Amino acid sequence: QVQLVESGGGLVQPGGSLRLSCAASGSIFNFYVMGWYRQAPGKQRELVAHIFSGNITNYAHSVKDRFTISRDNAKNTVYLQMNSLKPEDTAVYYCRARKSITAFGSWGQGTQVTVSS
């Protein structure tokens, strides 16, 4: 089972940017789908973005055109570039790796993102 470690979170002002990283303990080449999710206080965990083998991506409507997901198979790392951040983006962000769309997969421990002036 692959271990995932997120990093790059922090406090940023509205309109600012952050880049999150998700480093895997092993190869992510064979993982069909990698994803970023987030959970705000008192809310359910929600999908932010997926990246599939072949670099096909999809995004939640709320982050489309502001966030970009990418994967570097050589570095076993998935990234989430977040621009034009809003206070409602405040949440713990989690990385997930799955070998199929129906698999439970592996989760990281999360990284806190706080958007506030």
N, C-alpha and C. Protein backbone atom coordinates (compact mmCIF):
# COMPACT_ATOMS: atom_id res chain seq x y z
N GLN A 1 0.84 -1.19 0.00
CA GLN A 1 0.00 0.00 0.00
C GLN A 1 0.88 1.24 0.00
N VAL A 2 0.62 2.15 -0.88
CA VAL A 2 1.44 3.35 -0.99
C VAL A 2 1.11 4.32 0.14
N GLN A 3 2.13 4.98 0.67
CA GLN A 3 1.95 6.03 1.67
C GLN A 3 2.00 7.38 0.97
N LEU A 4 1.09 8.28 1.37
CA LEU A 4 1.01 9.59 0.74
C LEU A 4 1.25 10.67 1.79
N VAL A 5 2.07 11.66 1.46
CA VAL A 5 2.37 12.75 2.37
C VAL A 5 2.15 14.08 1.65
N GLU A 6 1.19 14.84 2.16
CA GLU A 6 0.90 16.15 1.59
C GLU A 6 1.76 17.23 2.25
N SER A 7 2.05 18.27 1.50
CA SER A 7 2.77 19.42 2.04
C SER A 7 2.41 20.65 1.21
N GLY A 8 2.80 21.82 1.73
CA GLY A 8 2.59 23.05 0.99
C GLY A 8 1.45 23.91 1.49
N GLY A 9 0.71 23.42 2.46
CA GLY A 9 -0.38 24.22 3.00
C GLY A 9 0.13 25.38 3.84
N GLY A 10 -0.80 26.25 4.24
CA GLY A 10 -0.42 27.38 5.07
C GLY A 10 -1.49 28.45 5.06
N LEU A 11 -1.10 29.61 5.55
CA LEU A 11 -2.00 30.76 5.61
C LEU A 11 -1.68 31.69 4.44
N VAL A 12 -2.70 32.09 3.71
CA VAL A 12 -2.52 32.97 2.56
C VAL A 12 -3.67 33.96 2.51
N GLN A 13 -3.40 35.14 1.99
CA GLN A 13 -4.44 36.16 1.87
C GLN A 13 -5.35 35.87 0.68
N PRO A 14 -6.58 36.34 0.72
CA PRO A 14 -7.46 36.19 -0.45
C PRO A 14 -6.79 36.73 -1.70
N GLY A 15 -6.94 35.98 -2.79
CA GLY A 15 -6.30 36.35 -4.04
C GLY A 15 -4.92 35.76 -4.21
N GLY A 16 -4.38 35.18 -3.17
CA GLY A 16 -3.05 34.61 -3.22
C GLY A 16 -3.01 33.22 -3.83
N SER A 17 -1.81 32.63 -3.81
CA SER A 17 -1.60 31.32 -4.42
C SER A 17 -0.84 30.40 -3.47
N LEU A 18 -1.07 29.11 -3.63
CA LEU A 18 -0.31 28.07 -2.95
C LEU A 18 -0.17 26.90 -3.91
N ARG A 19 0.91 26.14 -3.73
CA ARG A 19 1.05 24.88 -4.46
C ARG A 19 1.19 23.75 -3.45
N LEU A 20 0.27 22.82 -3.50
CA LEU A 20 0.31 21.64 -2.65
C LEU A 20 1.03 20.52 -3.38
N SER A 21 1.74 19.71 -2.61
CA SER A 21 2.42 18.54 -3.15
C SER A 21 1.95 17.30 -2.41
N CYS A 22 1.89 16.20 -3.11
CA CYS A 22 1.55 14.90 -2.53
C CYS A 22 2.63 13.92 -2.97
N ALA A 23 3.50 13.56 -2.05
CA ALA A 23 4.60 12.66 -2.35
C ALA A 23 4.24 11.24 -1.96
N ALA A 24 4.40 10.32 -2.90
CA ALA A 24 4.09 8.92 -2.65
C ALA A 24 5.36 8.14 -2.30
N SER A 25 5.18 7.11 -1.46
CA SER A 25 6.32 6.30 -1.03
C SER A 25 6.79 5.35 -2.12
N GLY A 26 5.96 5.14 -3.12
CA GLY A 26 6.32 4.26 -4.22
C GLY A 26 5.86 4.84 -5.53
N SER A 27 5.99 4.04 -6.57
CA SER A 27 5.63 4.51 -7.90
C SER A 27 4.13 4.78 -8.01
N ILE A 28 3.80 5.90 -8.62
CA ILE A 28 2.38 6.21 -8.88
C ILE A 28 2.03 5.91 -10.32
N PHE A 29 2.99 5.36 -11.06
CA PHE A 29 2.77 5.14 -12.50
C PHE A 29 1.55 4.28 -12.75
N ASN A 30 1.37 3.26 -11.89
CA ASN A 30 0.27 2.32 -12.11
C ASN A 30 -1.03 2.73 -11.43
N PHE A 31 -1.04 3.89 -10.81
CA PHE A 31 -2.29 4.34 -10.20
C PHE A 31 -3.13 5.05 -11.26
N TYR A 32 -4.31 4.52 -11.48
CA TYR A 32 -5.17 5.01 -12.54
C TYR A 32 -5.62 6.44 -12.28
N VAL A 33 -5.94 6.74 -11.03
CA VAL A 33 -6.44 8.06 -10.73
C VAL A 33 -5.85 8.57 -9.42
N MET A 34 -5.37 9.82 -9.46
CA MET A 34 -4.91 10.53 -8.28
C MET A 34 -5.85 11.71 -8.07
N GLY A 35 -6.13 12.02 -6.81
CA GLY A 35 -7.07 13.10 -6.58
C GLY A 35 -6.72 13.95 -5.38
N TRP A 36 -7.22 15.16 -5.40
CA TRP A 36 -7.20 16.06 -4.25
C TRP A 36 -8.63 16.26 -3.77
N TYR A 37 -8.81 16.16 -2.47
CA TYR A 37 -10.08 16.37 -1.82
C TYR A 37 -9.87 17.41 -0.72
N ARG A 38 -10.96 17.96 -0.21
CA ARG A 38 -10.84 18.89 0.90
C ARG A 38 -12.02 18.75 1.84
N GLN A 39 -11.78 19.11 3.10
CA GLN A 39 -12.83 19.06 4.10
C GLN A 39 -12.74 20.30 4.97
N ALA A 40 -13.78 21.10 4.91
CA ALA A 40 -13.88 22.29 5.75
C ALA A 40 -14.57 21.92 7.06
N PRO A 41 -14.35 22.71 8.11
CA PRO A 41 -14.99 22.40 9.41
C PRO A 41 -16.50 22.29 9.28
N GLY A 42 -17.04 21.20 9.81
CA GLY A 42 -18.48 21.01 9.80
C GLY A 42 -19.06 20.57 8.47
N LYS A 43 -18.20 20.30 7.49
CA LYS A 43 -18.68 19.90 6.17
C LYS A 43 -18.11 18.53 5.78
N GLN A 44 -18.75 17.93 4.80
CA GLN A 44 -18.27 16.64 4.30
C GLN A 44 -17.05 16.85 3.40
N ARG A 45 -16.24 15.81 3.33
CA ARG A 45 -15.10 15.84 2.42
C ARG A 45 -15.62 15.87 0.98
N GLU A 46 -15.00 16.71 0.16
CA GLU A 46 -15.46 16.85 -1.22
C GLU A 46 -14.29 16.77 -2.19
N LEU A 47 -14.62 16.34 -3.39
CA LEU A 47 -13.61 16.25 -4.44
C LEU A 47 -13.22 17.65 -4.92
N VAL A 48 -11.93 17.87 -5.09
CA VAL A 48 -11.44 19.10 -5.67
C VAL A 48 -11.04 18.87 -7.12
N ALA A 49 -10.22 17.84 -7.35
CA ALA A 49 -9.74 17.58 -8.72
C ALA A 49 -9.24 16.14 -8.82
N HIS A 50 -9.36 15.57 -10.01
CA HIS A 50 -8.81 14.26 -10.34
C HIS A 50 -7.84 14.42 -11.49
N ILE A 51 -6.84 13.55 -11.52
CA ILE A 51 -6.02 13.40 -12.70
C ILE A 51 -5.86 11.91 -12.98
N PHE A 52 -6.19 11.51 -14.20
CA PHE A 52 -6.19 10.11 -14.59
C PHE A 52 -4.94 9.80 -15.39
N SER A 53 -4.67 8.52 -15.57
CA SER A 53 -3.61 8.10 -16.47
C SER A 53 -3.86 8.74 -17.83
N GLY A 54 -2.81 9.25 -18.45
CA GLY A 54 -2.99 9.98 -19.70
C GLY A 54 -3.22 11.46 -19.46
N ASN A 55 -3.15 11.86 -18.16
CA ASN A 55 -3.25 13.27 -17.77
C ASN A 55 -4.61 13.90 -18.09
N ILE A 56 -5.64 13.08 -18.10
CA ILE A 56 -6.99 13.62 -18.21
C ILE A 56 -7.38 14.14 -16.83
N THR A 57 -7.96 15.34 -16.80
CA THR A 57 -8.29 15.97 -15.52
C THR A 57 -9.76 16.34 -15.44
N ASN A 58 -10.27 16.41 -14.23
CA ASN A 58 -11.56 17.05 -14.02
C ASN A 58 -11.53 17.78 -12.69
N TYR A 59 -12.39 18.78 -12.57
CA TYR A 59 -12.37 19.69 -11.42
C TYR A 59 -13.77 19.93 -10.89
N ALA A 60 -13.83 20.21 -9.60
CA ALA A 60 -15.08 20.69 -9.03
C ALA A 60 -15.39 22.05 -9.64
N HIS A 61 -16.65 22.34 -9.80
CA HIS A 61 -17.06 23.60 -10.44
C HIS A 61 -16.50 24.80 -9.68
N SER A 62 -16.41 24.68 -8.35
CA SER A 62 -16.01 25.81 -7.52
C SER A 62 -14.54 26.19 -7.69
N VAL A 63 -13.73 25.27 -8.24
CA VAL A 63 -12.30 25.57 -8.38
C VAL A 63 -11.85 25.62 -9.83
N LYS A 64 -12.73 25.28 -10.73
CA LYS A 64 -12.36 25.26 -12.15
C LYS A 64 -11.86 26.62 -12.58
N ASP A 65 -10.80 26.64 -13.36
CA ASP A 65 -10.14 27.85 -13.87
C ASP A 65 -9.30 28.57 -12.82
N ARG A 66 -9.28 28.06 -11.58
CA ARG A 66 -8.40 28.63 -10.54
C ARG A 66 -7.34 27.63 -10.08
N PHE A 67 -7.70 26.36 -10.06
CA PHE A 67 -6.80 25.31 -9.58
C PHE A 67 -6.34 24.45 -10.76
N THR A 68 -5.12 23.93 -10.65
CA THR A 68 -4.59 23.02 -11.67
C THR A 68 -3.93 21.83 -11.00
N ILE A 69 -4.37 20.63 -11.37
CA ILE A 69 -3.77 19.40 -10.86
C ILE A 69 -2.80 18.86 -11.90
N SER A 70 -1.69 18.32 -11.41
CA SER A 70 -0.71 17.72 -12.31
C SER A 70 -0.01 16.57 -11.59
N ARG A 71 0.62 15.70 -12.36
CA ARG A 71 1.33 14.57 -11.77
C ARG A 71 2.68 14.43 -12.44
N ASP A 72 3.68 14.09 -11.64
CA ASP A 72 5.03 13.82 -12.15
C ASP A 72 5.36 12.39 -11.76
N ASN A 73 5.17 11.47 -12.68
CA ASN A 73 5.38 10.06 -12.37
C ASN A 73 6.83 9.76 -12.01
N ALA A 74 7.77 10.50 -12.59
CA ALA A 74 9.18 10.28 -12.30
C ALA A 74 9.52 10.63 -10.85
N LYS A 75 8.81 11.62 -10.30
CA LYS A 75 9.04 12.04 -8.91
C LYS A 75 8.00 11.45 -7.96
N ASN A 76 7.08 10.64 -8.49
CA ASN A 76 6.02 10.04 -7.66
C ASN A 76 5.28 11.10 -6.86
N THR A 77 4.96 12.19 -7.52
CA THR A 77 4.35 13.33 -6.84
C THR A 77 3.19 13.88 -7.66
N VAL A 78 2.16 14.30 -6.95
CA VAL A 78 1.01 14.97 -7.55
C VAL A 78 0.95 16.37 -6.94
N TYR A 79 0.61 17.33 -7.77
CA TYR A 79 0.58 18.73 -7.34
C TYR A 79 -0.82 19.31 -7.50
N LEU A 80 -1.09 20.34 -6.70
CA LEU A 80 -2.30 21.12 -6.88
C LEU A 80 -1.89 22.59 -6.80
N GLN A 81 -1.87 23.26 -7.93
CA GLN A 81 -1.60 24.69 -7.98
C GLN A 81 -2.91 25.43 -7.75
N MET A 82 -2.94 26.26 -6.73
CA MET A 82 -4.16 26.97 -6.36
C MET A 82 -3.92 28.47 -6.51
N ASN A 83 -4.66 29.10 -7.39
CA ASN A 83 -4.56 30.54 -7.62
C ASN A 83 -5.88 31.22 -7.26
N SER A 84 -5.81 32.54 -7.11
CA SER A 84 -7.01 33.33 -6.80
C SER A 84 -7.79 32.73 -5.64
N LEU A 85 -7.09 32.42 -4.57
CA LEU A 85 -7.71 31.73 -3.43
C LEU A 85 -8.75 32.62 -2.76
N LYS A 86 -9.79 31.96 -2.27
CA LYS A 86 -10.91 32.62 -1.60
C LYS A 86 -11.04 32.07 -0.19
N PRO A 87 -11.65 32.84 0.71
CA PRO A 87 -11.85 32.32 2.09
C PRO A 87 -12.59 30.98 2.11
N GLU A 88 -13.49 30.77 1.17
CA GLU A 88 -14.22 29.50 1.14
C GLU A 88 -13.37 28.32 0.68
N ASP A 89 -12.14 28.57 0.27
CA ASP A 89 -11.22 27.47 -0.04
C ASP A 89 -10.54 26.94 1.22
N THR A 90 -10.76 27.59 2.34
CA THR A 90 -10.17 27.15 3.61
C THR A 90 -10.65 25.75 3.96
N ALA A 91 -9.71 24.84 4.18
CA ALA A 91 -10.04 23.44 4.46
C ALA A 91 -8.75 22.67 4.69
N VAL A 92 -8.91 21.43 5.14
CA VAL A 92 -7.80 20.48 5.12
C VAL A 92 -7.85 19.79 3.76
N TYR A 93 -6.74 19.77 3.06
CA TYR A 93 -6.65 19.18 1.73
C TYR A 93 -5.97 17.82 1.82
N TYR A 94 -6.61 16.83 1.19
CA TYR A 94 -6.12 15.45 1.24
C TYR A 94 -5.82 14.95 -0.17
N CYS A 95 -4.82 14.11 -0.25
CA CYS A 95 -4.45 13.43 -1.49
C CYS A 95 -4.95 11.99 -1.43
N ARG A 96 -5.34 11.47 -2.59
CA ARG A 96 -5.83 10.09 -2.66
C ARG A 96 -5.28 9.43 -3.91
N ALA A 97 -4.93 8.15 -3.78
CA ALA A 97 -4.41 7.38 -4.91
C ALA A 97 -5.24 6.11 -5.06
N ARG A 98 -5.70 5.85 -6.28
CA ARG A 98 -6.51 4.65 -6.54
C ARG A 98 -6.05 3.97 -7.82
N LYS A 99 -6.10 2.64 -7.79
CA LYS A 99 -5.73 1.89 -8.98
C LYS A 99 -6.91 1.67 -9.92
N SER A 100 -8.10 1.94 -9.40
CA SER A 100 -9.29 1.91 -10.25
C SER A 100 -10.28 2.89 -9.66
N ILE A 101 -11.27 3.25 -10.43
CA ILE A 101 -12.23 4.25 -10.00
C ILE A 101 -13.11 3.74 -8.88
N THR A 102 -13.19 2.41 -8.72
CA THR A 102 -14.04 1.84 -7.67
C THR A 102 -13.25 1.45 -6.42
N ALA A 103 -11.94 1.54 -6.48
CA ALA A 103 -11.12 1.15 -5.33
C ALA A 103 -11.17 2.21 -4.25
N PHE A 104 -11.03 1.78 -3.00
CA PHE A 104 -10.97 2.74 -1.89
C PHE A 104 -9.68 3.54 -1.96
N GLY A 105 -8.57 2.86 -2.21
CA GLY A 105 -7.28 3.51 -2.40
C GLY A 105 -6.62 3.92 -1.10
N SER A 106 -5.63 4.79 -1.22
CA SER A 106 -4.84 5.29 -0.09
C SER A 106 -5.06 6.79 0.07
N TRP A 107 -5.05 7.23 1.34
CA TRP A 107 -5.23 8.65 1.66
C TRP A 107 -3.99 9.17 2.38
N GLY A 108 -3.69 10.43 2.20
CA GLY A 108 -2.69 11.09 3.00
C GLY A 108 -3.30 11.63 4.28
N GLN A 109 -2.46 12.27 5.08
CA GLN A 109 -2.92 12.75 6.39
C GLN A 109 -3.52 14.16 6.31
N GLY A 110 -3.32 14.83 5.19
CA GLY A 110 -3.92 16.15 4.99
C GLY A 110 -2.97 17.29 5.30
N THR A 111 -3.24 18.43 4.67
CA THR A 111 -2.50 19.65 4.93
C THR A 111 -3.48 20.81 5.01
N GLN A 112 -3.31 21.66 6.00
CA GLN A 112 -4.27 22.75 6.25
C GLN A 112 -4.00 23.92 5.31
N VAL A 113 -5.04 24.41 4.68
CA VAL A 113 -4.99 25.64 3.89
C VAL A 113 -5.97 26.63 4.51
N THR A 114 -5.48 27.79 4.87
CA THR A 114 -6.31 28.84 5.45
C THR A 114 -6.19 30.10 4.61
N VAL A 115 -7.31 30.58 4.12
CA VAL A 115 -7.33 31.80 3.31
C VAL A 115 -8.03 32.89 4.12
N SER A 116 -7.25 33.86 4.54
CA SER A 116 -7.79 34.89 5.43
C SER A 116 -6.92 36.13 5.37
N SER A 117 -7.56 37.28 5.54
CA SER A 117 -6.82 38.54 5.59
C SER A 117 -6.49 38.89 7.04
